[in-house]
């Protein structure tokens, strides 16, 4: 497989992991806030999400720093997309009028 294709696939894998990570975070917040024991939700979810992403990056990286960096870049891009989508929309170009 060519080097460029490998890096593109690693970036896509990082974006997928980022999307799953933040979807899991959203699910945790929704469930955790309604739970009588939210600490278990938040701690368990954090350990599971971080563990899965760490393992996924280890597998995708395959011992090559370039692939690992591309995977991390994809994760950061997914984070940015999720953050932008989650922000409340501002009214107009200069924000809400008071």
N, C-alpha and C. Protein backbone atom coordinates (compact mmCIF):
# COMPACT_ATOMS: atom_id res chain seq x y z
N UNK A 1 0.85 -1.17 0.00
CA UNK A 1 0.00 0.00 0.00
C UNK A 1 0.90 1.23 0.00
N UNK A 2 0.52 2.22 -0.76
CA UNK A 2 1.37 3.41 -0.84
C UNK A 2 1.33 4.19 0.45
N UNK A 3 2.35 4.96 0.67
CA UNK A 3 2.49 5.75 1.90
C UNK A 3 1.35 6.76 2.06
N UNK A 4 0.99 7.43 0.99
CA UNK A 4 -0.08 8.44 1.05
C UNK A 4 -1.41 7.78 1.41
N UNK A 5 -1.73 6.65 0.79
CA UNK A 5 -2.97 5.95 1.09
C UNK A 5 -3.00 5.48 2.54
N UNK A 6 -1.87 5.02 3.04
CA UNK A 6 -1.78 4.61 4.44
C UNK A 6 -2.08 5.77 5.37
N UNK A 7 -1.53 6.94 5.07
CA UNK A 7 -1.76 8.11 5.92
C UNK A 7 -3.21 8.60 5.83
N UNK A 8 -3.80 8.51 4.65
CA UNK A 8 -5.21 8.90 4.49
C UNK A 8 -6.11 7.97 5.29
N UNK A 9 -5.83 6.67 5.22
CA UNK A 9 -6.62 5.71 5.99
C UNK A 9 -6.41 5.88 7.49
N UNK A 10 -5.20 6.21 7.90
CA UNK A 10 -4.94 6.45 9.32
C UNK A 10 -5.69 7.69 9.81
N UNK A 11 -5.74 8.72 8.97
CA UNK A 11 -6.48 9.93 9.32
C UNK A 11 -7.97 9.62 9.43
N UNK A 12 -8.49 8.85 8.49
CA UNK A 12 -9.91 8.47 8.54
C UNK A 12 -10.21 7.63 9.78
N UNK A 13 -9.30 6.74 10.13
CA UNK A 13 -9.49 5.93 11.33
C UNK A 13 -9.49 6.82 12.57
N UNK A 14 -8.62 7.81 12.61
CA UNK A 14 -8.59 8.74 13.73
C UNK A 14 -9.88 9.54 13.83
N UNK A 15 -10.43 9.94 12.69
CA UNK A 15 -11.70 10.66 12.70
C UNK A 15 -12.82 9.76 13.20
N UNK A 16 -12.80 8.50 12.80
CA UNK A 16 -13.80 7.56 13.29
C UNK A 16 -13.70 7.34 14.78
N UNK A 17 -12.48 7.19 15.26
CA UNK A 17 -12.29 7.03 16.71
C UNK A 17 -12.72 8.28 17.46
N UNK A 18 -12.43 9.44 16.90
CA UNK A 18 -12.85 10.68 17.53
C UNK A 18 -14.37 10.79 17.58
N UNK A 19 -15.02 10.42 16.49
CA UNK A 19 -16.49 10.47 16.46
C UNK A 19 -17.08 9.53 17.50
N UNK A 20 -16.55 8.32 17.60
CA UNK A 20 -17.04 7.37 18.60
C UNK A 20 -16.74 7.85 20.02
N UNK A 21 -15.57 8.42 20.22
CA UNK A 21 -15.18 8.93 21.53
C UNK A 21 -16.17 10.00 22.01
N UNK A 22 -16.46 10.95 21.15
CA UNK A 22 -17.34 12.05 21.55
C UNK A 22 -18.81 11.65 21.57
N UNK A 23 -19.21 10.68 20.75
CA UNK A 23 -20.56 10.14 20.86
C UNK A 23 -20.72 9.42 22.20
N UNK A 24 -19.68 8.70 22.59
CA UNK A 24 -19.69 8.05 23.90
C UNK A 24 -19.74 9.05 25.04
N UNK A 25 -19.05 10.15 24.88
CA UNK A 25 -19.07 11.19 25.90
C UNK A 25 -20.47 11.78 26.02
N UNK A 26 -21.09 12.04 24.91
CA UNK A 26 -22.46 12.59 24.94
C UNK A 26 -23.42 11.61 25.61
N UNK A 27 -23.33 10.34 25.25
CA UNK A 27 -24.17 9.31 25.84
C UNK A 27 -23.94 9.26 27.35
N UNK A 28 -22.69 9.35 27.77
CA UNK A 28 -22.35 9.31 29.18
C UNK A 28 -22.96 10.49 29.93
N UNK A 29 -22.86 11.67 29.36
CA UNK A 29 -23.42 12.85 30.02
C UNK A 29 -24.93 12.70 30.17
N UNK A 30 -25.60 12.25 29.11
CA UNK A 30 -27.05 12.09 29.18
C UNK A 30 -27.44 11.05 30.23
N UNK A 31 -26.77 9.92 30.24
CA UNK A 31 -27.08 8.86 31.20
C UNK A 31 -26.59 9.19 32.60
N UNK A 32 -25.42 9.77 32.67
CA UNK A 32 -24.83 10.06 33.97
C UNK A 32 -25.62 11.08 34.76
N UNK A 33 -26.14 12.10 34.09
CA UNK A 33 -26.90 13.12 34.79
C UNK A 33 -28.24 12.60 35.31
N UNK A 34 -28.77 11.57 34.68
CA UNK A 34 -30.04 11.00 35.11
C UNK A 34 -29.85 9.83 36.08
N UNK A 35 -28.62 9.46 36.33
CA UNK A 35 -28.33 8.28 37.15
C UNK A 35 -28.21 8.64 38.63
N UNK A 36 -28.57 7.70 39.51
CA UNK A 36 -28.35 7.95 40.94
C UNK A 36 -26.86 7.86 41.31
N UNK A 37 -26.05 7.28 40.44
CA UNK A 37 -24.60 7.17 40.67
C UNK A 37 -23.83 7.67 39.45
N UNK A 38 -23.81 8.97 39.26
CA UNK A 38 -23.17 9.51 38.05
C UNK A 38 -21.66 9.28 38.01
N UNK A 39 -21.02 9.21 39.16
CA UNK A 39 -19.56 9.03 39.17
C UNK A 39 -19.17 7.72 38.50
N UNK A 40 -19.97 6.68 38.68
CA UNK A 40 -19.67 5.40 38.03
C UNK A 40 -19.78 5.53 36.52
N UNK A 41 -20.77 6.25 36.04
CA UNK A 41 -20.92 6.46 34.60
C UNK A 41 -19.72 7.22 34.04
N UNK A 42 -19.38 8.32 34.71
CA UNK A 42 -18.31 9.16 34.17
C UNK A 42 -16.95 8.48 34.25
N UNK A 43 -16.65 7.84 35.36
CA UNK A 43 -15.36 7.16 35.50
C UNK A 43 -15.27 5.96 34.56
N UNK A 44 -16.30 5.13 34.57
CA UNK A 44 -16.29 3.95 33.70
C UNK A 44 -16.20 4.32 32.24
N UNK A 45 -16.95 5.32 31.84
CA UNK A 45 -16.94 5.76 30.45
C UNK A 45 -15.57 6.31 30.06
N UNK A 46 -14.99 7.11 30.94
CA UNK A 46 -13.69 7.69 30.62
C UNK A 46 -12.64 6.58 30.43
N UNK A 47 -12.63 5.63 31.34
CA UNK A 47 -11.66 4.54 31.22
C UNK A 47 -11.88 3.74 29.95
N UNK A 48 -13.13 3.45 29.63
CA UNK A 48 -13.43 2.68 28.42
C UNK A 48 -13.07 3.47 27.16
N UNK A 49 -13.49 4.73 27.08
CA UNK A 49 -13.23 5.53 25.88
C UNK A 49 -11.74 5.76 25.67
N UNK A 50 -11.03 6.14 26.73
CA UNK A 50 -9.59 6.38 26.60
C UNK A 50 -8.86 5.08 26.26
N UNK A 51 -9.26 4.00 26.89
CA UNK A 51 -8.63 2.71 26.60
C UNK A 51 -8.82 2.28 25.15
N UNK A 52 -10.05 2.42 24.66
CA UNK A 52 -10.32 2.02 23.27
C UNK A 52 -9.57 2.90 22.27
N UNK A 53 -9.54 4.20 22.51
CA UNK A 53 -8.83 5.10 21.59
C UNK A 53 -7.32 4.84 21.65
N UNK A 54 -6.79 4.62 22.82
CA UNK A 54 -5.36 4.33 22.94
C UNK A 54 -5.01 3.04 22.20
N UNK A 55 -5.81 2.01 22.41
CA UNK A 55 -5.58 0.74 21.71
C UNK A 55 -5.73 0.92 20.20
N UNK A 56 -6.78 1.64 19.78
CA UNK A 56 -7.00 1.86 18.35
C UNK A 56 -5.84 2.60 17.70
N UNK A 57 -5.33 3.62 18.39
CA UNK A 57 -4.19 4.36 17.82
C UNK A 57 -2.93 3.50 17.78
N UNK A 58 -2.79 2.64 18.77
CA UNK A 58 -1.64 1.72 18.78
C UNK A 58 -1.71 0.78 17.58
N UNK A 59 -2.91 0.25 17.31
CA UNK A 59 -3.07 -0.68 16.19
C UNK A 59 -2.91 0.05 14.86
N UNK A 60 -3.57 1.19 14.71
CA UNK A 60 -3.49 1.94 13.46
C UNK A 60 -2.06 2.44 13.21
N UNK A 61 -1.40 2.90 14.26
CA UNK A 61 -0.04 3.41 14.12
C UNK A 61 0.93 2.34 13.66
N UNK A 62 0.74 1.13 14.14
CA UNK A 62 1.58 0.01 13.71
C UNK A 62 3.07 0.24 13.88
N UNK A 63 3.45 1.02 14.87
CA UNK A 63 4.86 1.27 15.11
C UNK A 63 5.47 2.34 14.21
N UNK A 64 4.63 3.00 13.44
CA UNK A 64 5.13 4.05 12.54
C UNK A 64 4.61 5.39 13.02
N UNK A 65 5.53 6.30 13.31
CA UNK A 65 5.13 7.57 13.89
C UNK A 65 4.29 8.41 12.92
N UNK A 66 4.52 8.24 11.61
CA UNK A 66 3.75 9.01 10.64
C UNK A 66 2.27 8.61 10.67
N UNK A 67 2.01 7.32 10.73
CA UNK A 67 0.63 6.84 10.78
C UNK A 67 -0.03 7.23 12.10
N UNK A 68 0.73 7.17 13.18
CA UNK A 68 0.20 7.57 14.48
C UNK A 68 -0.14 9.05 14.49
N UNK A 69 0.71 9.86 13.90
CA UNK A 69 0.46 11.30 13.83
C UNK A 69 -0.75 11.60 12.94
N UNK A 70 -0.90 10.88 11.84
CA UNK A 70 -2.07 11.06 10.97
C UNK A 70 -3.35 10.66 11.71
N UNK A 71 -3.29 9.60 12.49
CA UNK A 71 -4.44 9.15 13.27
C UNK A 71 -4.80 10.21 14.31
N UNK A 72 -3.81 10.76 14.97
CA UNK A 72 -4.04 11.81 15.95
C UNK A 72 -4.64 13.05 15.29
N UNK A 73 -4.16 13.39 14.11
CA UNK A 73 -4.71 14.52 13.36
C UNK A 73 -6.19 14.29 13.06
N UNK A 74 -6.55 13.09 12.64
CA UNK A 74 -7.95 12.77 12.39
C UNK A 74 -8.80 12.90 13.64
N UNK A 75 -8.26 12.48 14.78
CA UNK A 75 -8.98 12.59 16.05
C UNK A 75 -9.23 14.05 16.40
N UNK A 76 -8.21 14.89 16.20
CA UNK A 76 -8.35 16.32 16.50
C UNK A 76 -9.35 16.98 15.55
N UNK A 77 -9.35 16.58 14.29
CA UNK A 77 -10.32 17.13 13.34
C UNK A 77 -11.73 16.74 13.77
N UNK A 78 -11.93 15.49 14.19
CA UNK A 78 -13.24 15.07 14.66
C UNK A 78 -13.65 15.87 15.89
N UNK A 79 -12.72 16.13 16.77
CA UNK A 79 -13.01 16.93 17.97
C UNK A 79 -13.47 18.33 17.57
N UNK A 80 -12.78 18.91 16.62
CA UNK A 80 -13.13 20.26 16.17
C UNK A 80 -14.51 20.28 15.54
N UNK A 81 -14.82 19.29 14.72
CA UNK A 81 -16.14 19.23 14.09
C UNK A 81 -17.25 19.05 15.12
N UNK A 82 -17.03 18.19 16.09
CA UNK A 82 -18.03 17.97 17.14
C UNK A 82 -18.19 19.24 17.98
N UNK A 83 -17.11 19.91 18.29
CA UNK A 83 -17.17 21.12 19.10
C UNK A 83 -17.93 22.22 18.36
N UNK A 84 -17.66 22.38 17.09
CA UNK A 84 -18.37 23.40 16.32
C UNK A 84 -19.86 23.09 16.22
N UNK A 85 -20.19 21.84 16.07
CA UNK A 85 -21.60 21.46 15.96
C UNK A 85 -22.33 21.63 17.29
N UNK A 86 -21.64 21.46 18.40
CA UNK A 86 -22.26 21.53 19.71
C UNK A 86 -22.43 22.95 20.21
N UNK A 87 -21.70 23.90 19.67
CA UNK A 87 -21.82 25.30 20.11
C UNK A 87 -23.18 25.85 19.74
N UNK A 88 -23.76 26.66 20.62
CA UNK A 88 -25.03 27.29 20.24
C UNK A 88 -24.80 28.26 19.09
N UNK A 89 -25.74 28.30 18.20
CA UNK A 89 -25.61 29.20 17.05
C UNK A 89 -25.84 30.63 17.49
N UNK A 90 -24.98 31.50 17.01
CA UNK A 90 -25.11 32.92 17.32
C UNK A 90 -26.06 33.57 16.34
N UNK A 91 -26.78 34.53 16.82
CA UNK A 91 -27.71 35.25 15.95
C UNK A 91 -26.94 36.33 15.20
N UNK A 92 -27.11 36.33 13.91
CA UNK A 92 -26.43 37.34 13.09
C UNK A 92 -24.93 37.10 13.04
N UNK A 93 -24.23 38.07 12.50
CA UNK A 93 -22.78 37.94 12.34
C UNK A 93 -22.03 38.34 13.59
N UNK A 94 -22.61 39.19 14.41
CA UNK A 94 -21.88 39.73 15.56
C UNK A 94 -22.44 39.24 16.89
N UNK A 95 -23.18 38.17 16.86
CA UNK A 95 -23.72 37.61 18.08
C UNK A 95 -25.10 38.14 18.39
N UNK A 96 -25.65 37.70 19.50
CA UNK A 96 -27.01 38.13 19.85
C UNK A 96 -27.04 39.60 20.24
N UNK A 97 -28.13 40.25 19.90
CA UNK A 97 -28.29 41.66 20.26
C UNK A 97 -28.90 41.75 21.63
N UNK A 98 -28.39 42.68 22.43
CA UNK A 98 -28.92 42.82 23.79
C UNK A 98 -29.76 44.06 23.92
